[in-house]
N, C-alpha and C. Protein backbone atom coordinates (compact mmCIF):
# COMPACT_ATOMS: atom_id res chain seq x y z
N UNK A 1 14.98 35.67 32.87
CA UNK A 1 14.36 36.66 34.00
C UNK A 1 14.28 35.53 35.36
N UNK A 2 14.76 35.98 36.27
CA UNK A 2 14.42 35.04 37.33
C UNK A 2 12.90 35.75 38.05
N UNK A 3 11.99 36.11 37.35
CA UNK A 3 10.84 36.33 38.06
C UNK A 3 10.46 36.55 39.64
N UNK A 4 11.83 37.60 39.86
CA UNK A 4 11.60 37.58 41.08
C UNK A 4 11.82 39.17 41.38
N UNK A 5 11.01 39.78 42.20
CA UNK A 5 11.10 41.18 42.52
C UNK A 5 11.60 41.25 43.95
N UNK A 6 12.49 42.37 43.61
CA UNK A 6 13.39 43.23 44.39
C UNK A 6 13.22 44.15 45.36
N UNK A 7 13.88 44.60 46.53
CA UNK A 7 13.05 45.81 47.10
C UNK A 7 14.42 46.62 46.83
N UNK A 8 14.52 47.89 46.34
CA UNK A 8 14.93 48.85 46.29
C UNK A 8 14.79 50.15 47.40
N UNK A 9 15.63 50.58 48.19
CA UNK A 9 15.97 51.84 48.92
C UNK A 9 16.45 53.32 48.18
N UNK A 10 15.33 53.85 47.56
CA UNK A 10 16.24 55.47 47.85
C UNK A 10 15.74 56.35 48.44
N UNK A 11 16.93 56.75 48.72
CA UNK A 11 17.38 58.13 50.19
C UNK A 11 17.23 59.50 49.05
N UNK A 12 15.93 60.10 49.41
CA UNK A 12 16.83 61.64 49.33
C UNK A 12 16.81 62.35 50.12
N UNK A 13 18.24 62.92 49.86
CA UNK A 13 18.97 63.64 51.01
C UNK A 13 18.85 65.37 49.77
N UNK A 14 18.49 66.42 51.14
CA UNK A 14 18.00 67.70 50.49
C UNK A 14 19.03 68.50 51.14
N UNK A 15 20.02 69.41 50.52
CA UNK A 15 20.64 70.73 51.20
C UNK A 15 19.90 72.00 50.48
N UNK A 16 19.09 72.74 51.39
CA UNK A 16 19.04 74.04 50.17
C UNK A 16 17.81 73.66 49.41
N UNK A 17 17.83 74.01 48.13
CA UNK A 17 17.22 73.74 47.45
C UNK A 17 17.88 72.48 46.28
N UNK A 18 18.59 71.93 46.50
CA UNK A 18 19.15 70.79 46.01
C UNK A 18 19.26 69.47 46.92
N UNK A 19 19.55 69.18 45.49
CA UNK A 19 18.99 67.10 46.19
C UNK A 19 20.63 66.17 45.49
N UNK A 20 20.89 65.25 46.58
CA UNK A 20 21.47 64.60 45.68
C UNK A 20 21.61 63.76 44.92
N UNK A 21 22.21 63.76 43.74
CA UNK A 21 22.11 62.85 42.88
C UNK A 21 23.35 62.52 42.54
N UNK A 22 23.70 60.88 42.13
CA UNK A 22 24.49 60.05 41.53
C UNK A 22 24.46 59.95 39.62
N UNK A 23 25.26 60.03 38.64
CA UNK A 23 25.24 59.69 37.76
C UNK A 23 25.66 58.39 37.36
N UNK A 24 24.76 57.08 37.21
CA UNK A 24 25.00 55.74 37.47
C UNK A 24 26.17 55.10 36.53
N UNK A 25 26.88 54.05 36.97
CA UNK A 25 27.48 53.22 35.16
C UNK A 25 27.26 52.07 35.88
N UNK A 26 27.88 50.93 35.23
CA UNK A 26 27.43 49.86 35.00
C UNK A 26 26.52 48.55 35.12
N UNK A 27 25.66 49.00 36.25
CA UNK A 27 24.91 48.07 36.17
C UNK A 27 23.71 48.87 36.00
N UNK A 28 21.90 48.41 36.70
CA UNK A 28 21.28 48.86 35.15
C UNK A 28 20.90 49.92 35.76
N UNK A 29 20.32 50.82 34.59
CA UNK A 29 20.06 52.40 34.89
C UNK A 29 21.55 53.01 34.33
N UNK A 30 22.30 52.36 33.50
CA UNK A 30 24.08 53.39 33.64
C UNK A 30 23.26 54.56 32.52
N UNK A 31 23.79 55.45 32.92
CA UNK A 31 24.00 56.97 32.74
C UNK A 31 22.91 57.34 32.62
N UNK A 32 22.09 57.22 33.41
CA UNK A 32 20.76 57.94 34.55
C UNK A 32 21.26 58.53 35.81
N UNK A 33 20.46 59.42 36.19
CA UNK A 33 20.50 60.06 37.99
C UNK A 33 19.73 59.60 38.50
N UNK A 34 20.65 58.93 39.78
CA UNK A 34 19.70 58.49 40.99
C UNK A 34 20.21 58.79 41.87
N UNK A 35 19.64 58.70 43.09
CA UNK A 35 19.37 58.98 44.08
C UNK A 35 20.22 58.23 45.13
N UNK A 36 21.17 57.87 46.22
CA UNK A 36 21.70 56.96 46.95
C UNK A 36 20.81 55.89 47.35
N UNK A 37 21.46 55.02 47.23
CA UNK A 37 20.26 53.46 47.45
C UNK A 37 21.01 51.94 47.02
N UNK A 38 20.30 51.09 47.41
CA UNK A 38 20.49 49.69 47.33
C UNK A 38 19.38 48.83 47.61
N UNK A 39 20.19 47.64 47.68
CA UNK A 39 19.16 46.89 48.15
C UNK A 39 18.75 46.64 49.34
N UNK A 40 17.41 46.23 49.83
CA UNK A 40 17.16 45.92 51.32
C UNK A 40 18.10 44.49 52.05
N UNK A 41 18.16 44.26 52.56
CA UNK A 41 19.01 43.08 53.17
C UNK A 41 17.63 42.41 54.21
N UNK A 42 18.02 41.21 53.47
CA UNK A 42 17.31 40.16 54.69
C UNK A 42 17.50 40.67 56.08
N UNK A 43 17.15 40.48 56.64
CA UNK A 43 17.12 41.11 58.46
C UNK A 43 16.98 42.12 58.32
N UNK A 44 17.12 43.49 57.48
CA UNK A 44 17.50 44.83 57.61
C UNK A 44 16.23 45.75 57.40
N UNK A 45 15.99 47.10 58.50
CA UNK A 45 15.23 47.74 58.54
C UNK A 45 15.44 48.44 57.18
N UNK A 46 14.44 49.26 57.14
CA UNK A 46 14.67 50.02 55.65
C UNK A 46 15.00 51.01 55.64
N UNK A 47 15.24 51.95 57.27
CA UNK A 47 16.11 52.69 57.86
C UNK A 47 17.40 52.77 58.05
N UNK A 48 17.87 51.02 58.24
CA UNK A 48 18.96 50.40 58.54
C UNK A 48 20.12 50.57 57.23
N UNK A 49 19.32 50.20 56.33
CA UNK A 49 19.58 50.01 54.90
C UNK A 49 19.59 51.16 54.43
N UNK A 50 18.70 52.69 54.45
CA UNK A 50 18.98 53.87 53.89
C UNK A 50 20.17 54.00 54.15
N UNK A 51 20.26 54.56 56.02
CA UNK A 51 21.96 54.38 56.53
C UNK A 51 22.97 54.14 55.68
N UNK A 52 22.86 52.91 55.94
CA UNK A 52 24.11 52.18 55.01
C UNK A 52 24.23 52.22 53.56
N UNK A 53 23.42 52.55 53.02
CA UNK A 53 24.17 52.56 51.38
C UNK A 53 24.15 53.88 51.07
N UNK A 54 23.66 54.75 51.83
CA UNK A 54 24.64 56.60 51.49
C UNK A 54 25.67 56.44 52.30
N UNK A 55 26.38 56.05 53.14
CA UNK A 55 27.48 55.63 53.97
C UNK A 55 28.46 55.01 52.93
N UNK A 56 27.89 53.89 52.32
CA UNK A 56 29.20 52.71 51.39
C UNK A 56 29.21 54.02 50.12
N UNK A 57 28.09 54.31 49.60
CA UNK A 57 27.91 54.99 48.42
C UNK A 57 28.69 56.53 48.81
N UNK A 58 28.70 57.39 49.65
CA UNK A 58 29.17 58.62 49.62
C UNK A 58 29.90 58.79 50.47
N UNK A 59 30.00 58.58 51.56
CA UNK A 59 30.72 58.49 52.90
C UNK A 59 29.79 59.82 54.19
N UNK A 60 28.46 59.61 53.68
CA UNK A 60 27.82 60.98 53.91
C UNK A 60 27.35 59.97 55.47
N UNK A 61 27.13 60.74 56.82
CA UNK A 61 25.90 59.96 57.51
C UNK A 61 25.10 61.20 57.16
N UNK A 62 23.71 60.18 57.35
CA UNK A 62 22.51 60.90 57.50
C UNK A 62 21.85 60.26 58.93
N UNK A 63 20.68 61.29 58.89
CA UNK A 63 19.77 60.58 60.26
C UNK A 63 18.49 61.28 60.28
N UNK A 64 17.38 60.94 61.20
CA UNK A 64 16.45 61.05 60.96
C UNK A 64 15.92 60.34 59.79
N UNK A 65 15.62 59.29 59.26
CA UNK A 65 15.10 58.78 57.92
C UNK A 65 13.61 58.30 58.51
N UNK A 66 12.98 59.07 57.53
CA UNK A 66 11.41 59.06 57.39
C UNK A 66 11.13 58.56 56.46
N UNK A 67 9.72 57.27 55.99
CA UNK A 67 9.54 57.10 55.35
C UNK A 67 9.03 57.88 54.05
N UNK A 68 8.04 57.82 52.89
CA UNK A 68 8.17 58.19 51.97
C UNK A 68 7.00 58.06 51.17
N UNK A 69 7.28 56.98 50.24
CA UNK A 69 6.38 56.09 49.22
C UNK A 69 7.35 55.30 48.83
N UNK A 70 6.70 54.78 47.73
CA UNK A 70 6.75 53.37 46.67
C UNK A 70 6.50 53.53 45.51
N UNK A 71 7.85 52.96 44.68
CA UNK A 71 6.74 52.65 43.34
C UNK A 71 7.72 51.39 42.87
N UNK A 72 6.97 51.55 41.56
CA UNK A 72 6.82 49.52 41.00
C UNK A 72 7.37 50.07 40.01
N UNK A 73 8.60 49.19 39.87
CA UNK A 73 9.71 49.66 38.55
C UNK A 73 10.15 48.62 38.15
N UNK A 74 9.52 48.70 36.86
CA UNK A 74 10.35 47.66 35.07
C UNK A 74 10.96 47.79 35.11
N UNK A 75 12.21 47.24 34.19
CA UNK A 75 13.51 47.47 33.65
C UNK A 75 13.46 46.86 32.28
N UNK A 76 12.76 47.26 31.63
CA UNK A 76 12.51 45.60 30.54
C UNK A 76 13.66 45.61 29.71
N UNK A 77 14.59 46.07 29.90
CA UNK A 77 15.72 46.01 29.06
C UNK A 77 16.52 45.09 29.79
N UNK A 78 16.40 44.70 31.43
CA UNK A 78 17.11 44.72 32.34
C UNK A 78 16.54 43.14 32.51
N UNK A 79 15.51 42.93 32.51
CA UNK A 79 14.46 41.89 32.95
C UNK A 79 14.27 42.03 34.30
N UNK A 80 14.43 43.48 34.48
CA UNK A 80 14.63 43.50 36.42
C UNK A 80 12.90 44.20 36.84
N UNK A 81 12.29 43.65 37.61
CA UNK A 81 10.93 43.63 38.55
C UNK A 81 11.83 45.21 40.01
N UNK A 82 11.69 45.80 40.21
CA UNK A 82 11.89 46.58 41.34
C UNK A 82 10.46 47.07 42.14
N UNK A 83 10.17 46.99 43.79
CA UNK A 83 9.72 47.95 44.47
C UNK A 83 10.89 48.98 44.93
N UNK A 84 10.33 50.01 44.92
CA UNK A 84 11.93 50.80 45.42
C UNK A 84 11.08 51.56 46.56
N UNK A 85 11.15 51.60 47.96
CA UNK A 85 10.80 52.92 48.50
C UNK A 85 11.81 53.73 48.78
N UNK A 86 10.58 54.57 48.98
CA UNK A 86 11.67 55.87 49.16
C UNK A 86 11.38 56.46 50.78
N UNK A 87 12.23 57.36 50.85
CA UNK A 87 12.52 57.66 52.03
C UNK A 87 13.42 58.94 52.27
N UNK A 88 13.49 59.83 52.86
CA UNK A 88 13.91 60.96 53.22
C UNK A 88 15.00 60.88 54.81
N UNK A 89 16.06 61.18 54.28
CA UNK A 89 17.18 61.30 55.31
C UNK A 89 17.71 62.85 55.62
N UNK A 90 17.96 63.33 56.87
CA UNK A 90 18.73 64.84 57.33
C UNK A 90 19.82 64.68 56.66
N UNK A 91 20.52 65.76 56.36
CA UNK A 91 21.82 65.90 55.51
C UNK A 91 22.65 66.32 56.87
N UNK A 92 24.03 65.82 57.04
CA UNK A 92 24.42 66.23 58.70
C UNK A 92 26.06 66.56 58.05
N UNK A 93 26.14 67.06 56.94
CA UNK A 93 26.93 68.09 56.38
C UNK A 93 28.73 67.12 55.78
N UNK A 94 29.16 68.25 54.95
CA UNK A 94 30.26 67.33 54.68
C UNK A 94 30.09 67.07 53.20
N UNK A 95 31.01 66.41 52.20
CA UNK A 95 30.51 66.53 50.87
C UNK A 95 30.56 65.01 50.64
N UNK A 96 29.76 64.55 49.74
CA UNK A 96 29.66 63.29 49.28
C UNK A 96 31.51 62.56 48.82
N UNK A 97 31.33 61.69 48.88
CA UNK A 97 33.11 61.13 47.81
C UNK A 97 32.57 60.19 47.18
N UNK A 98 33.18 59.58 46.08
CA UNK A 98 32.93 58.48 45.67
C UNK A 98 33.82 57.40 45.83
N UNK A 99 32.62 56.78 46.76
CA UNK A 99 33.24 55.36 47.22
C UNK A 99 32.80 54.15 46.29
N UNK A 100 32.38 53.96 45.58
CA UNK A 100 31.94 53.33 44.39
C UNK A 100 32.13 53.66 42.96
N UNK A 101 33.08 53.48 42.41
CA UNK A 101 33.55 54.15 41.02
C UNK A 101 33.19 53.03 39.99
N UNK A 102 32.70 51.94 40.26
CA UNK A 102 32.69 51.06 39.40
C UNK A 102 30.73 51.69 39.35
N UNK A 103 30.19 51.64 40.04
CA UNK A 103 28.90 51.74 40.30
C UNK A 103 27.97 53.40 39.89
N UNK A 104 28.85 54.77 40.12
CA UNK A 104 28.70 55.86 39.80
C UNK A 104 29.98 56.44 39.45
N UNK A 105 29.49 57.68 38.55
CA UNK A 105 30.48 58.75 37.69
C UNK A 105 31.12 59.83 38.45
N UNK A 106 29.75 59.71 39.26
CA UNK A 106 29.99 61.61 39.93
C UNK A 106 28.51 61.58 41.17
N UNK A 107 29.31 62.42 42.17
CA UNK A 107 27.84 62.76 43.16
C UNK A 107 27.68 64.75 42.73
N UNK A 108 26.37 64.60 42.98
CA UNK A 108 25.64 66.44 42.42
C UNK A 108 25.36 66.83 42.92
N UNK A 109 25.12 67.65 43.87
CA UNK A 109 23.82 68.47 44.67
C UNK A 109 23.36 68.85 43.41
N UNK A 110 22.13 68.68 42.94
CA UNK A 110 21.45 69.37 42.04
C UNK A 110 20.43 69.78 42.34
N UNK A 111 19.85 71.77 41.77
CA UNK A 111 18.89 72.61 42.12
C UNK A 111 17.21 71.74 41.53
N UNK A 112 16.86 71.29 42.46
CA UNK A 112 15.70 70.48 42.01
C UNK A 112 14.73 71.36 41.33
N UNK A 113 14.61 72.69 40.96
CA UNK A 113 13.67 72.81 39.61
C UNK A 113 14.89 72.77 38.45
N UNK A 114 16.03 72.20 38.51
CA UNK A 114 16.75 71.93 37.18
C UNK A 114 17.32 70.69 37.27
N UNK A 115 16.58 69.52 37.29
CA UNK A 115 17.29 68.32 37.89
C UNK A 115 17.84 67.89 36.26
N UNK A 116 19.23 66.83 36.22
CA UNK A 116 19.89 66.74 35.17
C UNK A 116 18.83 65.28 34.35
N UNK A 117 19.36 64.82 32.91
CA UNK A 117 18.52 64.34 32.63
C UNK A 117 19.58 63.42 32.12
N UNK A 118 19.18 62.32 31.19
CA UNK A 118 18.04 60.98 31.88
C UNK A 118 18.23 60.88 33.74
N UNK A 119 16.94 60.44 34.16
CA UNK A 119 16.68 60.06 35.24
C UNK A 119 16.30 59.11 35.18
N UNK A 120 16.84 58.34 36.76
CA UNK A 120 16.48 56.46 36.77
C UNK A 120 15.27 56.32 36.72
N UNK A 121 15.03 55.34 36.34
CA UNK A 121 13.38 55.28 36.02
C UNK A 121 12.75 55.45 37.41
N UNK A 122 13.26 54.65 38.48
CA UNK A 122 12.75 54.75 39.46
C UNK A 122 12.48 56.48 40.19
N UNK A 123 13.62 56.86 39.65
CA UNK A 123 13.09 57.79 40.29
C UNK A 123 11.85 59.00 39.43
N UNK A 124 12.15 59.37 38.10
CA UNK A 124 11.64 59.31 37.31
C UNK A 124 9.69 58.76 37.45
N UNK A 125 10.22 57.54 37.87
CA UNK A 125 8.27 57.12 38.62
C UNK A 125 7.97 57.97 39.55
N UNK A 126 8.85 57.98 40.73
CA UNK A 126 8.87 58.79 41.90
C UNK A 126 8.51 60.16 41.48
N UNK A 127 8.93 60.43 40.71
CA UNK A 127 8.63 62.16 40.42
C UNK A 127 7.42 62.08 39.62
N UNK A 128 6.50 61.55 39.43
CA UNK A 128 5.62 61.81 38.08
C UNK A 128 4.09 62.03 39.56
N UNK A 129 4.36 61.70 40.82
CA UNK A 129 3.33 61.86 41.77
C UNK A 129 3.83 62.94 43.16
N UNK A 130 4.96 63.06 42.93
CA UNK A 130 5.34 64.24 43.99
C UNK A 130 6.59 65.12 43.08
N UNK A 131 6.67 66.04 44.54
CA UNK A 131 7.01 67.52 43.88
C UNK A 131 8.12 67.23 44.65
N UNK A 132 9.11 67.74 44.60
CA UNK A 132 10.25 68.09 45.92
C UNK A 132 10.72 69.26 46.30
N UNK A 133 10.14 69.24 47.26
CA UNK A 133 10.13 71.02 48.09
C UNK A 133 11.88 70.66 49.45
N UNK A 134 12.81 71.95 49.47
CA UNK A 134 13.66 71.49 50.39
C UNK A 134 12.98 71.67 51.63
């Protein structure tokens, strides 16, 4: 382990009573469900990162990025430690496209009252203190 803490940005995108989640593969958290997001790049704002990552991963355009909360996430199996910044972004329309098939099997609009499992560690941690509302 490099003893480096990384910063991730997780983007909550809601449509009516659903949230956009992807089934992860490859990287840490494989076979779990997570929001779009990724690493904060040097010199990038959290809002810029959110917009970039959503577009790169799903092809969707989002706007009005609002800061929510953060989680402190340990991935012991992978020896990784992240601070994940949660934001909410306004959905502008369209359907998600699988732009990174080596990182995600599928994108799905999931009912906020019936989320798939297992959830990505960061999202599970976030939901211990927050309730999703449309």
